[in-house]
mmCIF file of all heavy atoms, coordinates in Angstrom:
data_MODEL
# 
_entry.id   MODEL 
# 
loop_
_atom_site.group_PDB 
_atom_site.id 
_atom_site.type_symbol 
_atom_site.label_atom_id 
_atom_site.label_alt_id 
_atom_site.label_comp_id 
_atom_site.label_asym_id 
_atom_site.label_entity_id 
_atom_site.label_seq_id 
_atom_site.pdbx_PDB_ins_code 
_atom_site.Cartn_x 
_atom_site.Cartn_y 
_atom_site.Cartn_z 
_atom_site.occupancy 
_atom_site.B_iso_or_equiv 
_atom_site.pdbx_formal_charge 
_atom_site.auth_seq_id 
_atom_site.auth_comp_id 
_atom_site.auth_asym_id 
_atom_site.auth_atom_id 
_atom_site.pdbx_PDB_model_num 
ATOM 1   N N   . LEU A 1 1  ? 89.981 88.953 105.276 1.00 0.00 ? 1  LEU A N   1 
ATOM 2   C CA  . LEU A 1 1  ? 89.528 87.966 106.259 1.00 0.00 ? 1  LEU A CA  1 
ATOM 3   C C   . LEU A 1 1  ? 90.271 88.117 107.580 1.00 0.00 ? 1  LEU A C   1 
ATOM 4   O O   . LEU A 1 1  ? 89.744 87.757 108.636 1.00 0.00 ? 1  LEU A O   1 
ATOM 5   C CB  . LEU A 1 1  ? 89.733 86.548 105.721 1.00 0.00 ? 1  LEU A CB  1 
ATOM 6   C CG  . LEU A 1 1  ? 88.988 86.143 104.449 1.00 0.00 ? 1  LEU A CG  1 
ATOM 7   C CD1 . LEU A 1 1  ? 89.228 84.676 104.144 1.00 0.00 ? 1  LEU A CD1 1 
ATOM 8   C CD2 . LEU A 1 1  ? 87.499 86.428 104.570 1.00 0.00 ? 1  LEU A CD2 1 
ATOM 9   N N   . LYS A 1 2  ? 91.490 88.655 107.518 1.00 0.00 ? 2  LYS A N   1 
ATOM 10  C CA  . LYS A 1 2  ? 92.263 88.860 108.758 1.00 0.00 ? 2  LYS A CA  1 
ATOM 11  C C   . LYS A 1 2  ? 91.528 89.758 109.741 1.00 0.00 ? 2  LYS A C   1 
ATOM 12  O O   . LYS A 1 2  ? 91.751 89.666 110.958 1.00 0.00 ? 2  LYS A O   1 
ATOM 13  C CB  . LYS A 1 2  ? 93.609 89.499 108.435 1.00 0.00 ? 2  LYS A CB  1 
ATOM 14  C CG  . LYS A 1 2  ? 94.499 88.731 107.479 1.00 0.00 ? 2  LYS A CG  1 
ATOM 15  C CD  . LYS A 1 2  ? 95.733 89.566 107.145 1.00 0.00 ? 2  LYS A CD  1 
ATOM 16  C CE  . LYS A 1 2  ? 96.584 88.933 106.071 1.00 0.00 ? 2  LYS A CE  1 
ATOM 17  N NZ  . LYS A 1 2  ? 97.718 89.819 105.687 1.00 0.00 ? 2  LYS A NZ  1 
ATOM 18  N N   . GLY A 1 3  ? 90.680 90.633 109.220 1.00 0.00 ? 3  GLY A N   1 
ATOM 19  C CA  . GLY A 1 3  ? 90.030 91.607 110.085 1.00 0.00 ? 3  GLY A CA  1 
ATOM 20  C C   . GLY A 1 3  ? 88.595 91.290 110.431 1.00 0.00 ? 3  GLY A C   1 
ATOM 21  O O   . GLY A 1 3  ? 87.913 92.113 111.052 1.00 0.00 ? 3  GLY A O   1 
ATOM 22  N N   . LEU A 1 4  ? 88.126 90.110 110.059 1.00 0.00 ? 4  LEU A N   1 
ATOM 23  C CA  . LEU A 1 4  ? 86.739 89.780 110.359 1.00 0.00 ? 4  LEU A CA  1 
ATOM 24  C C   . LEU A 1 4  ? 86.589 89.202 111.761 1.00 0.00 ? 4  LEU A C   1 
ATOM 25  O O   . LEU A 1 4  ? 87.457 88.472 112.252 1.00 0.00 ? 4  LEU A O   1 
ATOM 26  C CB  . LEU A 1 4  ? 86.200 88.784 109.327 1.00 0.00 ? 4  LEU A CB  1 
ATOM 27  C CG  . LEU A 1 4  ? 86.151 89.273 107.879 1.00 0.00 ? 4  LEU A CG  1 
ATOM 28  C CD1 . LEU A 1 4  ? 85.467 88.224 107.001 1.00 0.00 ? 4  LEU A CD1 1 
ATOM 29  C CD2 . LEU A 1 4  ? 85.434 90.615 107.772 1.00 0.00 ? 4  LEU A CD2 1 
ATOM 30  N N   . LYS A 1 5  ? 85.478 89.478 112.381 1.00 0.00 ? 5  LYS A N   1 
ATOM 31  C CA  . LYS A 1 5  ? 85.170 88.950 113.698 1.00 0.00 ? 5  LYS A CA  1 
ATOM 32  C C   . LYS A 1 5  ? 84.642 87.527 113.569 1.00 0.00 ? 5  LYS A C   1 
ATOM 33  O O   . LYS A 1 5  ? 84.146 87.136 112.502 1.00 0.00 ? 5  LYS A O   1 
ATOM 34  C CB  . LYS A 1 5  ? 84.140 89.856 114.380 1.00 0.00 ? 5  LYS A CB  1 
ATOM 35  C CG  . LYS A 1 5  ? 84.639 91.294 114.573 1.00 0.00 ? 5  LYS A CG  1 
ATOM 36  C CD  . LYS A 1 5  ? 83.537 92.225 115.003 1.00 0.00 ? 5  LYS A CD  1 
ATOM 37  C CE  . LYS A 1 5  ? 83.146 92.011 116.444 1.00 0.00 ? 5  LYS A CE  1 
ATOM 38  N NZ  . LYS A 1 5  ? 82.206 93.073 116.908 1.00 0.00 ? 5  LYS A NZ  1 
ATOM 39  N N   . PRO A 1 6  ? 84.731 86.717 114.602 1.00 0.00 ? 6  PRO A N   1 
ATOM 40  C CA  . PRO A 1 6  ? 84.165 85.368 114.539 1.00 0.00 ? 6  PRO A CA  1 
ATOM 41  C C   . PRO A 1 6  ? 82.689 85.400 114.141 1.00 0.00 ? 6  PRO A C   1 
ATOM 42  O O   . PRO A 1 6  ? 81.951 86.297 114.531 1.00 0.00 ? 6  PRO A O   1 
ATOM 43  C CB  . PRO A 1 6  ? 84.351 84.843 115.965 1.00 0.00 ? 6  PRO A CB  1 
ATOM 44  C CG  . PRO A 1 6  ? 85.529 85.603 116.486 1.00 0.00 ? 6  PRO A CG  1 
ATOM 45  C CD  . PRO A 1 6  ? 85.411 86.976 115.886 1.00 0.00 ? 6  PRO A CD  1 
ATOM 46  N N   . TRP A 1 7  ? 82.287 84.416 113.346 1.00 0.00 ? 7  TRP A N   1 
ATOM 47  C CA  . TRP A 1 7  ? 80.925 84.277 112.840 1.00 0.00 ? 7  TRP A CA  1 
ATOM 48  C C   . TRP A 1 7  ? 80.563 85.375 111.834 1.00 0.00 ? 7  TRP A C   1 
ATOM 49  O O   . TRP A 1 7  ? 79.384 85.616 111.565 1.00 0.00 ? 7  TRP A O   1 
ATOM 50  C CB  . TRP A 1 7  ? 79.894 84.250 113.989 1.00 0.00 ? 7  TRP A CB  1 
ATOM 51  C CG  . TRP A 1 7  ? 80.095 83.098 114.919 1.00 0.00 ? 7  TRP A CG  1 
ATOM 52  C CD1 . TRP A 1 7  ? 80.893 83.048 116.026 1.00 0.00 ? 7  TRP A CD1 1 
ATOM 53  C CD2 . TRP A 1 7  ? 79.508 81.802 114.807 1.00 0.00 ? 7  TRP A CD2 1 
ATOM 54  N NE1 . TRP A 1 7  ? 80.844 81.813 116.624 1.00 0.00 ? 7  TRP A NE1 1 
ATOM 55  C CE2 . TRP A 1 7  ? 79.994 81.017 115.886 1.00 0.00 ? 7  TRP A CE2 1 
ATOM 56  C CE3 . TRP A 1 7  ? 78.613 81.222 113.906 1.00 0.00 ? 7  TRP A CE3 1 
ATOM 57  C CZ2 . TRP A 1 7  ? 79.620 79.700 116.070 1.00 0.00 ? 7  TRP A CZ2 1 
ATOM 58  C CZ3 . TRP A 1 7  ? 78.245 79.903 114.101 1.00 0.00 ? 7  TRP A CZ3 1 
ATOM 59  C CH2 . TRP A 1 7  ? 78.746 79.161 115.177 1.00 0.00 ? 7  TRP A CH2 1 
ATOM 60  N N   . ALA A 1 8  ? 81.549 86.020 111.269 1.00 0.00 ? 8  ALA A N   1 
ATOM 61  C CA  . ALA A 1 8  ? 81.284 87.064 110.280 1.00 0.00 ? 8  ALA A CA  1 
ATOM 62  C C   . ALA A 1 8  ? 80.724 86.469 108.986 1.00 0.00 ? 8  ALA A C   1 
ATOM 63  O O   . ALA A 1 8  ? 80.926 85.289 108.684 1.00 0.00 ? 8  ALA A O   1 
ATOM 64  C CB  . ALA A 1 8  ? 82.564 87.844 109.979 1.00 0.00 ? 8  ALA A CB  1 
ATOM 65  N N   . LYS A 1 9  ? 80.040 87.306 108.243 1.00 0.00 ? 9  LYS A N   1 
ATOM 66  C CA  . LYS A 1 9  ? 79.486 86.911 106.954 1.00 0.00 ? 9  LYS A CA  1 
ATOM 67  C C   . LYS A 1 9  ? 80.236 87.622 105.833 1.00 0.00 ? 9  LYS A C   1 
ATOM 68  O O   . LYS A 1 9  ? 80.460 88.837 105.901 1.00 0.00 ? 9  LYS A O   1 
ATOM 69  C CB  . LYS A 1 9  ? 78.001 87.260 106.878 1.00 0.00 ? 9  LYS A CB  1 
ATOM 70  C CG  . LYS A 1 9  ? 77.138 86.496 107.874 1.00 0.00 ? 9  LYS A CG  1 
ATOM 71  C CD  . LYS A 1 9  ? 75.683 86.915 107.773 1.00 0.00 ? 9  LYS A CD  1 
ATOM 72  C CE  . LYS A 1 9  ? 74.817 86.140 108.766 1.00 0.00 ? 9  LYS A CE  1 
ATOM 73  N NZ  . LYS A 1 9  ? 73.396 86.544 108.703 1.00 0.00 ? 9  LYS A NZ  1 
ATOM 74  N N   . ILE A 1 10 ? 80.611 86.839 104.811 1.00 0.00 ? 10 ILE A N   1 
ATOM 75  C CA  . ILE A 1 10 ? 81.306 87.374 103.641 1.00 0.00 ? 10 ILE A CA  1 
ATOM 76  C C   . ILE A 1 10 ? 80.322 87.294 102.477 1.00 0.00 ? 10 ILE A C   1 
ATOM 77  O O   . ILE A 1 10 ? 79.894 86.203 102.095 1.00 0.00 ? 10 ILE A O   1 
ATOM 78  C CB  . ILE A 1 10 ? 82.570 86.558 103.330 1.00 0.00 ? 10 ILE A CB  1 
ATOM 79  C CG1 . ILE A 1 10 ? 83.486 86.537 104.559 1.00 0.00 ? 10 ILE A CG1 1 
ATOM 80  C CG2 . ILE A 1 10 ? 83.303 87.104 102.107 1.00 0.00 ? 10 ILE A CG2 1 
ATOM 81  C CD1 . ILE A 1 10 ? 84.264 85.259 104.701 1.00 0.00 ? 10 ILE A CD1 1 
ATOM 82  N N   . ILE A 1 11 ? 79.948 88.436 101.938 1.00 0.00 ? 11 ILE A N   1 
ATOM 83  C CA  . ILE A 1 11 ? 78.940 88.479 100.882 1.00 0.00 ? 11 ILE A CA  1 
ATOM 84  C C   . ILE A 1 11 ? 79.632 88.734 99.548  1.00 0.00 ? 11 ILE A C   1 
ATOM 85  O O   . ILE A 1 11 ? 80.233 89.785 99.336  1.00 0.00 ? 11 ILE A O   1 
ATOM 86  C CB  . ILE A 1 11 ? 77.891 89.580 101.137 1.00 0.00 ? 11 ILE A CB  1 
ATOM 87  C CG1 . ILE A 1 11 ? 77.435 89.566 102.607 1.00 0.00 ? 11 ILE A CG1 1 
ATOM 88  C CG2 . ILE A 1 11 ? 76.719 89.404 100.189 1.00 0.00 ? 11 ILE A CG2 1 
ATOM 89  C CD1 . ILE A 1 11 ? 76.711 88.325 103.029 1.00 0.00 ? 11 ILE A CD1 1 
ATOM 90  N N   . LEU A 1 12 ? 79.538 87.747 98.659  1.00 0.00 ? 12 LEU A N   1 
ATOM 91  C CA  . LEU A 1 12 ? 80.096 87.872 97.320  1.00 0.00 ? 12 LEU A CA  1 
ATOM 92  C C   . LEU A 1 12 ? 78.997 88.331 96.383  1.00 0.00 ? 12 LEU A C   1 
ATOM 93  O O   . LEU A 1 12 ? 77.889 87.808 96.412  1.00 0.00 ? 12 LEU A O   1 
ATOM 94  C CB  . LEU A 1 12 ? 80.651 86.536 96.832  1.00 0.00 ? 12 LEU A CB  1 
ATOM 95  C CG  . LEU A 1 12 ? 81.620 85.795 97.751  1.00 0.00 ? 12 LEU A CG  1 
ATOM 96  C CD1 . LEU A 1 12 ? 82.104 84.521 97.070  1.00 0.00 ? 12 LEU A CD1 1 
ATOM 97  C CD2 . LEU A 1 12 ? 82.796 86.688 98.100  1.00 0.00 ? 12 LEU A CD2 1 
ATOM 98  N N   . MET A 1 13 ? 79.332 89.309 95.526  1.00 0.00 ? 13 MET A N   1 
ATOM 99  C CA  . MET A 1 13 ? 78.337 89.819 94.576  1.00 0.00 ? 13 MET A CA  1 
ATOM 100 C C   . MET A 1 13 ? 79.045 90.173 93.282  1.00 0.00 ? 13 MET A C   1 
ATOM 101 O O   . MET A 1 13 ? 80.256 90.318 93.224  1.00 0.00 ? 13 MET A O   1 
ATOM 102 C CB  . MET A 1 13 ? 77.635 91.043 95.156  1.00 0.00 ? 13 MET A CB  1 
ATOM 103 C CG  . MET A 1 13 ? 78.552 92.249 95.331  1.00 0.00 ? 13 MET A CG  1 
ATOM 104 S SD  . MET A 1 13 ? 77.885 93.514 96.402  1.00 0.00 ? 13 MET A SD  1 
ATOM 105 C CE  . MET A 1 13 ? 78.305 92.823 98.013  1.00 0.00 ? 13 MET A CE  1 
ATOM 106 N N   . GLY A 1 14 ? 78.276 90.298 92.227  1.00 0.00 ? 14 GLY A N   1 
ATOM 107 C CA  . GLY A 1 14 ? 78.864 90.700 90.967  1.00 0.00 ? 14 GLY A CA  1 
ATOM 108 C C   . GLY A 1 14 ? 79.726 89.608 90.356  1.00 0.00 ? 14 GLY A C   1 
ATOM 109 O O   . GLY A 1 14 ? 79.729 88.458 90.776  1.00 0.00 ? 14 GLY A O   1 
ATOM 110 N N   . ILE A 1 15 ? 80.466 89.987 89.335  1.00 0.00 ? 15 ILE A N   1 
ATOM 111 C CA  . ILE A 1 15 ? 81.289 89.057 88.572  1.00 0.00 ? 15 ILE A CA  1 
ATOM 112 C C   . ILE A 1 15 ? 82.693 89.617 88.489  1.00 0.00 ? 15 ILE A C   1 
ATOM 113 O O   . ILE A 1 15 ? 82.898 90.773 88.112  1.00 0.00 ? 15 ILE A O   1 
ATOM 114 C CB  . ILE A 1 15 ? 80.722 88.852 87.156  1.00 0.00 ? 15 ILE A CB  1 
ATOM 115 C CG1 . ILE A 1 15 ? 79.292 88.308 87.227  1.00 0.00 ? 15 ILE A CG1 1 
ATOM 116 C CG2 . ILE A 1 15 ? 81.595 87.918 86.350  1.00 0.00 ? 15 ILE A CG2 1 
ATOM 117 C CD1 . ILE A 1 15 ? 78.585 88.282 85.896  1.00 0.00 ? 15 ILE A CD1 1 
ATOM 118 N N   . SER A 1 16 ? 83.671 88.805 88.821  1.00 0.00 ? 16 SER A N   1 
ATOM 119 C CA  . SER A 1 16 ? 85.071 89.225 88.758  1.00 0.00 ? 16 SER A CA  1 
ATOM 120 C C   . SER A 1 16 ? 85.759 88.573 87.574  1.00 0.00 ? 16 SER A C   1 
ATOM 121 O O   . SER A 1 16 ? 85.375 87.487 87.128  1.00 0.00 ? 16 SER A O   1 
ATOM 122 C CB  . SER A 1 16 ? 85.792 88.836 90.056  1.00 0.00 ? 16 SER A CB  1 
ATOM 123 O OG  . SER A 1 16 ? 87.170 89.110 89.961  1.00 0.00 ? 16 SER A OG  1 
ATOM 124 N N   . ALA A 1 17 ? 86.788 89.243 87.071  1.00 0.00 ? 17 ALA A N   1 
ATOM 125 C CA  . ALA A 1 17 ? 87.552 88.684 85.951  1.00 0.00 ? 17 ALA A CA  1 
ATOM 126 C C   . ALA A 1 17 ? 88.275 87.411 86.370  1.00 0.00 ? 17 ALA A C   1 
ATOM 127 O O   . ALA A 1 17 ? 88.480 86.503 85.557  1.00 0.00 ? 17 ALA A O   1 
ATOM 128 C CB  . ALA A 1 17 ? 88.541 89.713 85.428  1.00 0.00 ? 17 ALA A CB  1 
ATOM 129 N N   . ASP A 1 18 ? 88.689 87.320 87.643  1.00 0.00 ? 18 ASP A N   1 
ATOM 130 C CA  . ASP A 1 18 ? 89.316 86.089 88.143  1.00 0.00 ? 18 ASP A CA  1 
ATOM 131 C C   . ASP A 1 18 ? 88.253 85.305 88.920  1.00 0.00 ? 18 ASP A C   1 
ATOM 132 O O   . ASP A 1 18 ? 87.925 85.623 90.041  1.00 0.00 ? 18 ASP A O   1 
ATOM 133 C CB  . ASP A 1 18 ? 90.546 86.395 89.010  1.00 0.00 ? 18 ASP A CB  1 
ATOM 134 C CG  . ASP A 1 18 ? 90.259 87.334 90.161  1.00 0.00 ? 18 ASP A CG  1 
ATOM 135 O OD1 . ASP A 1 18 ? 89.339 88.156 90.046  1.00 0.00 ? 18 ASP A OD1 1 
ATOM 136 O OD2 . ASP A 1 18 ? 90.959 87.249 91.180  1.00 0.00 ? 18 ASP A OD2 1 
ATOM 137 N N   . ASP A 1 19 ? 87.734 84.288 88.303  1.00 0.00 ? 19 ASP A N   1 
ATOM 138 C CA  . ASP A 1 19 ? 86.540 83.627 88.814  1.00 0.00 ? 19 ASP A CA  1 
ATOM 139 C C   . ASP A 1 19 ? 86.811 82.772 90.046  1.00 0.00 ? 19 ASP A C   1 
ATOM 140 O O   . ASP A 1 19 ? 85.945 82.582 90.883  1.00 0.00 ? 19 ASP A O   1 
ATOM 141 C CB  . ASP A 1 19 ? 85.924 82.769 87.708  1.00 0.00 ? 19 ASP A CB  1 
ATOM 142 C CG  . ASP A 1 19 ? 84.556 82.236 88.101  1.00 0.00 ? 19 ASP A CG  1 
ATOM 143 O OD1 . ASP A 1 19 ? 83.712 83.046 88.519  1.00 0.00 ? 19 ASP A OD1 1 
ATOM 144 O OD2 . ASP A 1 19 ? 84.342 81.024 87.992  1.00 0.00 ? 19 ASP A OD2 1 
ATOM 145 N N   . MET A 1 20 ? 88.003 82.216 90.185  1.00 0.00 ? 20 MET A N   1 
ATOM 146 C CA  . MET A 1 20 ? 88.293 81.321 91.302  1.00 0.00 ? 20 MET A CA  1 
ATOM 147 C C   . MET A 1 20 ? 88.563 82.112 92.579  1.00 0.00 ? 20 MET A C   1 
ATOM 148 O O   . MET A 1 20 ? 89.357 83.049 92.592  1.00 0.00 ? 20 MET A O   1 
ATOM 149 C CB  . MET A 1 20 ? 89.493 80.432 90.964  1.00 0.00 ? 20 MET A CB  1 
ATOM 150 C CG  . MET A 1 20 ? 89.248 79.529 89.770  1.00 0.00 ? 20 MET A CG  1 
ATOM 151 S SD  . MET A 1 20 ? 87.790 78.466 89.972  1.00 0.00 ? 20 MET A SD  1 
ATOM 152 C CE  . MET A 1 20 ? 88.299 77.464 91.356  1.00 0.00 ? 20 MET A CE  1 
ATOM 153 N N   . PHE A 1 21 ? 87.907 81.720 93.654  1.00 0.00 ? 21 PHE A N   1 
ATOM 154 C CA  . PHE A 1 21 ? 88.058 82.379 94.949  1.00 0.00 ? 21 PHE A CA  1 
ATOM 155 C C   . PHE A 1 21 ? 88.528 81.320 95.941  1.00 0.00 ? 21 PHE A C   1 
ATOM 156 O O   . PHE A 1 21 ? 87.755 80.448 96.342  1.00 0.00 ? 21 PHE A O   1 
ATOM 157 C CB  . PHE A 1 21 ? 86.722 82.970 95.377  1.00 0.00 ? 21 PHE A CB  1 
ATOM 158 C CG  . PHE A 1 21 ? 86.814 84.027 96.446  1.00 0.00 ? 21 PHE A CG  1 
ATOM 159 C CD1 . PHE A 1 21 ? 85.754 84.896 96.654  1.00 0.00 ? 21 PHE A CD1 1 
ATOM 160 C CD2 . PHE A 1 21 ? 87.935 84.175 97.238  1.00 0.00 ? 21 PHE A CD2 1 
ATOM 161 C CE1 . PHE A 1 21 ? 85.803 85.871 97.634  1.00 0.00 ? 21 PHE A CE1 1 
ATOM 162 C CE2 . PHE A 1 21 ? 88.002 85.143 98.216  1.00 0.00 ? 21 PHE A CE2 1 
ATOM 163 C CZ  . PHE A 1 21 ? 86.936 85.997 98.423  1.00 0.00 ? 21 PHE A CZ  1 
ATOM 164 N N   . SER A 1 22 ? 89.784 81.369 96.346  1.00 0.00 ? 22 SER A N   1 
ATOM 165 C CA  . SER A 1 22 ? 90.370 80.363 97.242  1.00 0.00 ? 22 SER A CA  1 
ATOM 166 C C   . SER A 1 22 ? 90.445 80.910 98.652  1.00 0.00 ? 22 SER A C   1 
ATOM 167 O O   . SER A 1 22 ? 91.171 81.872 98.920  1.00 0.00 ? 22 SER A O   1 
ATOM 168 C CB  . SER A 1 22 ? 91.772 79.971 96.744  1.00 0.00 ? 22 SER A CB  1 
ATOM 169 O OG  . SER A 1 22 ? 91.703 79.441 95.440  1.00 0.00 ? 22 SER A OG  1 
ATOM 170 N N   . PHE A 1 23 ? 89.698 80.305 99.562  1.00 0.00 ? 23 PHE A N   1 
ATOM 171 C CA  . PHE A 1 23 ? 89.672 80.736 100.950 1.00 0.00 ? 23 PHE A CA  1 
ATOM 172 C C   . PHE A 1 23 ? 90.669 79.939 101.784 1.00 0.00 ? 23 PHE A C   1 
ATOM 173 O O   . PHE A 1 23 ? 90.839 78.733 101.570 1.00 0.00 ? 23 PHE A O   1 
ATOM 174 C CB  . PHE A 1 23 ? 88.282 80.531 101.552 1.00 0.00 ? 23 PHE A CB  1 
ATOM 175 C CG  . PHE A 1 23 ? 87.254 81.494 101.068 1.00 0.00 ? 23 PHE A CG  1 
ATOM 176 C CD1 . PHE A 1 23 ? 86.389 81.151 100.047 1.00 0.00 ? 23 PHE A CD1 1 
ATOM 177 C CD2 . PHE A 1 23 ? 87.138 82.751 101.627 1.00 0.00 ? 23 PHE A CD2 1 
ATOM 178 C CE1 . PHE A 1 23 ? 85.429 82.025 99.601  1.00 0.00 ? 23 PHE A CE1 1 
ATOM 179 C CE2 . PHE A 1 23 ? 86.180 83.647 101.192 1.00 0.00 ? 23 PHE A CE2 1 
ATOM 180 C CZ  . PHE A 1 23 ? 85.328 83.280 100.171 1.00 0.00 ? 23 PHE A CZ  1 
ATOM 181 N N   . PRO A 1 24 ? 91.302 80.575 102.772 1.00 0.00 ? 24 PRO A N   1 
ATOM 182 C CA  . PRO A 1 24 ? 92.133 79.819 103.718 1.00 0.00 ? 24 PRO A CA  1 
ATOM 183 C C   . PRO A 1 24 ? 91.238 78.970 104.623 1.00 0.00 ? 24 PRO A C   1 
ATOM 184 O O   . PRO A 1 24 ? 90.440 79.494 105.406 1.00 0.00 ? 24 PRO A O   1 
ATOM 185 C CB  . PRO A 1 24 ? 92.857 80.921 104.505 1.00 0.00 ? 24 PRO A CB  1 
ATOM 186 C CG  . PRO A 1 24 ? 91.994 82.129 104.359 1.00 0.00 ? 24 PRO A CG  1 
ATOM 187 C CD  . PRO A 1 24 ? 91.327 82.016 103.035 1.00 0.00 ? 24 PRO A CD  1 
ATOM 188 N N   . ALA A 1 25 ? 91.365 77.656 104.529 1.00 0.00 ? 25 ALA A N   1 
ATOM 189 C CA  . ALA A 1 25 ? 90.435 76.747 105.199 1.00 0.00 ? 25 ALA A CA  1 
ATOM 190 C C   . ALA A 1 25 ? 90.475 76.881 106.723 1.00 0.00 ? 25 ALA A C   1 
ATOM 191 O O   . ALA A 1 25 ? 89.439 76.835 107.386 1.00 0.00 ? 25 ALA A O   1 
ATOM 192 C CB  . ALA A 1 25 ? 90.736 75.307 104.787 1.00 0.00 ? 25 ALA A CB  1 
ATOM 193 N N   . LEU A 1 26 ? 91.665 77.031 107.296 1.00 0.00 ? 26 LEU A N   1 
ATOM 194 C CA  . LEU A 1 26 ? 91.777 77.106 108.754 1.00 0.00 ? 26 LEU A CA  1 
ATOM 195 C C   . LEU A 1 26 ? 91.059 78.338 109.285 1.00 0.00 ? 26 LEU A C   1 
ATOM 196 O O   . LEU A 1 26 ? 90.308 78.259 110.272 1.00 0.00 ? 26 LEU A O   1 
ATOM 197 C CB  . LEU A 1 26 ? 93.247 77.120 109.172 1.00 0.00 ? 26 LEU A CB  1 
ATOM 198 C CG  . LEU A 1 26 ? 93.505 77.195 110.684 1.00 0.00 ? 26 LEU A CG  1 
ATOM 199 C CD1 . LEU A 1 26 ? 92.875 75.996 111.390 1.00 0.00 ? 26 LEU A CD1 1 
ATOM 200 C CD2 . LEU A 1 26 ? 95.004 77.255 110.974 1.00 0.00 ? 26 LEU A CD2 1 
ATOM 201 N N   . SER A 1 27 ? 91.271 79.470 108.628 1.00 0.00 ? 27 SER A N   1 
ATOM 202 C CA  . SER A 1 27 ? 90.604 80.697 109.057 1.00 0.00 ? 27 SER A CA  1 
ATOM 203 C C   . SER A 1 27 ? 89.101 80.582 108.903 1.00 0.00 ? 27 SER A C   1 
ATOM 204 O O   . SER A 1 27 ? 88.332 80.985 109.783 1.00 0.00 ? 27 SER A O   1 
ATOM 205 C CB  . SER A 1 27 ? 91.133 81.882 108.239 1.00 0.00 ? 27 SER A CB  1 
ATOM 206 O OG  . SER A 1 27 ? 90.477 83.075 108.600 1.00 0.00 ? 27 SER A OG  1 
ATOM 207 N N   . LEU A 1 28 ? 88.671 80.000 107.794 1.00 0.00 ? 28 LEU A N   1 
ATOM 208 C CA  . LEU A 1 28 ? 87.245 79.881 107.510 1.00 0.00 ? 28 LEU A CA  1 
ATOM 209 C C   . LEU A 1 28 ? 86.538 79.014 108.545 1.00 0.00 ? 28 LEU A C   1 
ATOM 210 O O   . LEU A 1 28 ? 85.493 79.390 109.089 1.00 0.00 ? 28 LEU A O   1 
ATOM 211 C CB  . LEU A 1 28 ? 87.060 79.300 106.113 1.00 0.00 ? 28 LEU A CB  1 
ATOM 212 C CG  . LEU A 1 28 ? 85.642 79.213 105.574 1.00 0.00 ? 28 LEU A CG  1 
ATOM 213 C CD1 . LEU A 1 28 ? 85.065 80.603 105.346 1.00 0.00 ? 28 LEU A CD1 1 
ATOM 214 C CD2 . LEU A 1 28 ? 85.624 78.416 104.271 1.00 0.00 ? 28 LEU A CD2 1 
ATOM 215 N N   . THR A 1 29 ? 87.115 77.858 108.840 1.00 0.00 ? 29 THR A N   1 
ATOM 216 C CA  . THR A 1 29 ? 86.480 76.940 109.783 1.00 0.00 ? 29 THR A CA  1 
ATOM 217 C C   . THR A 1 29 ? 86.705 77.365 111.231 1.00 0.00 ? 29 THR A C   1 
ATOM 218 O O   . THR A 1 29 ? 85.793 77.279 112.056 1.00 0.00 ? 29 THR A O   1 
ATOM 219 C CB  . THR A 1 29 ? 87.001 75.514 109.584 1.00 0.00 ? 29 THR A CB  1 
ATOM 220 O OG1 . THR A 1 29 ? 88.436 75.507 109.711 1.00 0.00 ? 29 THR A OG1 1 
ATOM 221 C CG2 . THR A 1 29 ? 86.630 75.001 108.211 1.00 0.00 ? 29 THR A CG2 1 
ATOM 222 N N   . GLY A 1 30 ? 87.908 77.824 111.534 1.00 0.00 ? 30 GLY A N   1 
ATOM 223 C CA  . GLY A 1 30 ? 88.229 78.185 112.910 1.00 0.00 ? 30 GLY A CA  1 
ATOM 224 C C   . GLY A 1 30 ? 87.390 79.336 113.432 1.00 0.00 ? 30 GLY A C   1 
ATOM 225 O O   . GLY A 1 30 ? 87.060 79.380 114.625 1.00 0.00 ? 30 GLY A O   1 
ATOM 226 N N   . HIS A 1 31 ? 87.032 80.269 112.543 1.00 0.00 ? 31 HIS A N   1 
ATOM 227 C CA  . HIS A 1 31 ? 86.241 81.429 112.963 1.00 0.00 ? 31 HIS A CA  1 
ATOM 228 C C   . HIS A 1 31 ? 84.774 81.321 112.549 1.00 0.00 ? 31 HIS A C   1 
ATOM 229 O O   . HIS A 1 31 ? 84.008 82.271 112.754 1.00 0.00 ? 31 HIS A O   1 
ATOM 230 C CB  . HIS A 1 31 ? 86.846 82.707 112.385 1.00 0.00 ? 31 HIS A CB  1 
ATOM 231 C CG  . HIS A 1 31 ? 88.236 82.995 112.866 1.00 0.00 ? 31 HIS A CG  1 
ATOM 232 N ND1 . HIS A 1 31 ? 88.540 83.204 114.192 1.00 0.00 ? 31 HIS A ND1 1 
ATOM 233 C CD2 . HIS A 1 31 ? 89.420 83.089 112.198 1.00 0.00 ? 31 HIS A CD2 1 
ATOM 234 C CE1 . HIS A 1 31 ? 89.844 83.428 114.324 1.00 0.00 ? 31 HIS A CE1 1 
ATOM 235 N NE2 . HIS A 1 31 ? 90.393 83.351 113.130 1.00 0.00 ? 31 HIS A NE2 1 
# 
């Protein structure tokens, strides 16, 4: 996420062994 441009799209696909995905809220909302 550090390298994404503002308004970027993050596409999740497939199934991971660690199901929980915790996003940094400030980065998510600010950008």
